[in-house]
Amino acid sequence: MISRERKGRGGKDVSIVSNLPLTSMELKLLASALKKHCGSGGTVTKSCIEIQGDQRQSIKNYLEQQGFRVKLSGS
């Protein structure tokens, strides 16, 4: 699931990728690839990947190319 959050972040958008069936090392590798693909920063927190900015559509396209089934959430 890919969602967008702004609450508690100084009004800045963050795209959050959650519910991925990956290990922590695989999440870090995927986060690195997503940051490079989107051209923005990000981090891995718990079992989620956070990418700076509203990058939902770009993330969705990339994950679908990698074989993941993706659902967008939020407006």
C-alpha atoms as a PDB file:
ATOM      1  CA  MET A   1       0.000   0.000   0.000  1.00  0.00           C
ATOM      2  CA  ILE A   2       1.256   3.464  -0.865  1.00  0.00           C
ATOM      3  CA  SER A   3      -0.077   6.417   1.080  1.00  0.00           C
ATOM      4  CA  ARG A   4       0.749  10.087   1.547  1.00  0.00           C
ATOM      5  CA  GLU A   5       1.212  11.781   4.917  1.00  0.00           C
ATOM      6  CA  ARG A   6       1.718  15.364   5.921  1.00  0.00           C
ATOM      7  CA  LYS A   7       0.790  15.356   9.602  1.00  0.00           C
ATOM      8  CA  GLY A   8       3.666  16.099  11.970  1.00  0.00           C
ATOM      9  CA  ARG A   9       6.094  16.823   9.156  1.00  0.00           C
ATOM     10  CA  GLY A  10       5.990  20.607   8.958  1.00  0.00           C
ATOM     11  CA  GLY A  11       3.464  20.576   6.108  1.00  0.00           C
ATOM     12  CA  LYS A  12       5.726  18.557   3.791  1.00  0.00           C
ATOM     13  CA  ASP A  13       4.433  15.512   1.929  1.00  0.00           C
ATOM     14  CA  VAL A  14       5.909  12.056   2.459  1.00  0.00           C
ATOM     15  CA  SER A  15       4.973   8.955   0.468  1.00  0.00           C
ATOM     16  CA  ILE A  16       4.818   5.838   2.636  1.00  0.00           C
ATOM     17  CA  VAL A  17       5.145   2.307   1.272  1.00  0.00           C
ATOM     18  CA  SER A  18       3.878  -0.263   3.768  1.00  0.00           C
ATOM     19  CA  ASN A  19       2.782  -3.912   4.038  1.00  0.00           C
ATOM     20  CA  LEU A  20       5.609  -5.314   1.934  1.00  0.00           C
ATOM     21  CA  PRO A  21       6.536  -8.957   2.615  1.00  0.00           C
ATOM     22  CA  LEU A  22      10.284  -8.250   2.768  1.00  0.00           C
ATOM     23  CA  THR A  23      13.072  -8.633   5.300  1.00  0.00           C
ATOM     24  CA  SER A  24      14.701  -5.538   6.768  1.00  0.00           C
ATOM     25  CA  MET A  25      17.700  -5.871   4.419  1.00  0.00           C
ATOM     26  CA  GLU A  26      15.421  -6.219   1.385  1.00  0.00           C
ATOM     27  CA  LEU A  27      13.480  -3.131   2.533  1.00  0.00           C
ATOM     28  CA  LYS A  28      16.717  -1.124   2.717  1.00  0.00           C
ATOM     29  CA  LEU A  29      17.714  -2.215  -0.790  1.00  0.00           C
ATOM     30  CA  LEU A  30      14.267  -1.403  -2.174  1.00  0.00           C
ATOM     31  CA  ALA A  31      14.281   1.980  -0.409  1.00  0.00           C
ATOM     32  CA  SER A  32      17.628   2.781  -2.010  1.00  0.00           C
ATOM     33  CA  ALA A  33      16.290   1.861  -5.455  1.00  0.00           C
ATOM     34  CA  LEU A  34      13.106   3.913  -4.920  1.00  0.00           C
ATOM     35  CA  LYS A  35      15.081   6.969  -3.785  1.00  0.00           C
ATOM     36  CA  LYS A  36      17.227   6.733  -6.894  1.00  0.00           C
ATOM     37  CA  HIS A  37      14.173   6.210  -9.131  1.00  0.00           C
ATOM     38  CA  CYS A  38      12.273   9.169  -7.633  1.00  0.00           C
ATOM     39  CA  GLY A  39      15.299  11.431  -7.293  1.00  0.00           C
ATOM     40  CA  SER A  40      14.522  12.261  -3.677  1.00  0.00           C
ATOM     41  CA  GLY A  41      15.495  11.324  -0.150  1.00  0.00           C
ATOM     42  CA  GLY A  42      13.884   8.828   2.141  1.00  0.00           C
ATOM     43  CA  THR A  43      14.326   6.332   4.938  1.00  0.00           C
ATOM     44  CA  VAL A  44      13.204   2.970   6.282  1.00  0.00           C
ATOM     45  CA  THR A  45      11.239   3.061   9.540  1.00  0.00           C
ATOM     46  CA  LYS A  46      10.066  -0.165  11.182  1.00  0.00           C
ATOM     47  CA  SER A  47       8.468  -2.031   8.267  1.00  0.00           C
ATOM     48  CA  CYS A  48       7.744   1.009   6.067  1.00  0.00           C
ATOM     49  CA  ILE A  49       9.652   2.966   3.452  1.00  0.00           C
ATOM     50  CA  GLU A  50       9.251   6.758   3.530  1.00  0.00           C
ATOM     51  CA  ILE A  51      10.094   8.760   0.401  1.00  0.00           C
ATOM     52  CA  GLN A  52      10.116  12.561   0.495  1.00  0.00           C
ATOM     53  CA  GLY A  53       7.432  14.295  -1.563  1.00  0.00           C
ATOM     54  CA  ASP A  54       4.228  13.052  -3.155  1.00  0.00           C
ATOM     55  CA  GLN A  55       5.844  10.325  -5.269  1.00  0.00           C
ATOM     56  CA  ARG A  56       2.976   7.823  -5.133  1.00  0.00           C
ATOM     57  CA  GLN A  57       2.464   7.377  -8.882  1.00  0.00           C
ATOM     58  CA  SER A  58       6.183   7.037  -9.601  1.00  0.00           C
ATOM     59  CA  ILE A  59       6.579   4.505  -6.766  1.00  0.00           C
ATOM     60  CA  LYS A  60       3.529   2.579  -7.983  1.00  0.00           C
ATOM     61  CA  ASN A  61       4.926   2.323 -11.509  1.00  0.00           C
ATOM     62  CA  TYR A  62       8.326   1.161 -10.253  1.00  0.00           C
ATOM     63  CA  LEU A  63       6.918  -1.463  -7.873  1.00  0.00           C
ATOM     64  CA  GLU A  64       4.594  -2.853 -10.552  1.00  0.00           C
ATOM     65  CA  GLN A  65       7.585  -3.220 -12.884  1.00  0.00           C
ATOM     66  CA  GLN A  66       9.286  -5.212 -10.104  1.00  0.00           C
ATOM     67  CA  GLY A  67       6.287  -7.593  -9.847  1.00  0.00           C
ATOM     68  CA  PHE A  68       4.542  -6.211  -6.744  1.00  0.00           C
ATOM     69  CA  ARG A  69       0.791  -5.713  -6.552  1.00  0.00           C
ATOM     70  CA  VAL A  70       0.237  -2.145  -5.398  1.00  0.00           C
ATOM     71  CA  LYS A  71      -2.708  -0.193  -4.013  1.00  0.00           C
ATOM     72  CA  LEU A  72      -2.773   3.604  -3.663  1.00  0.00           C
ATOM     73  CA  SER A  73      -4.299   5.082  -0.537  1.00  0.00           C
ATOM     74  CA  GLY A  74      -5.161   8.645   0.439  1.00  0.00           C
ATOM     75  CA  SER A  75      -5.878  11.693  -1.644  1.00  0.00           C
END
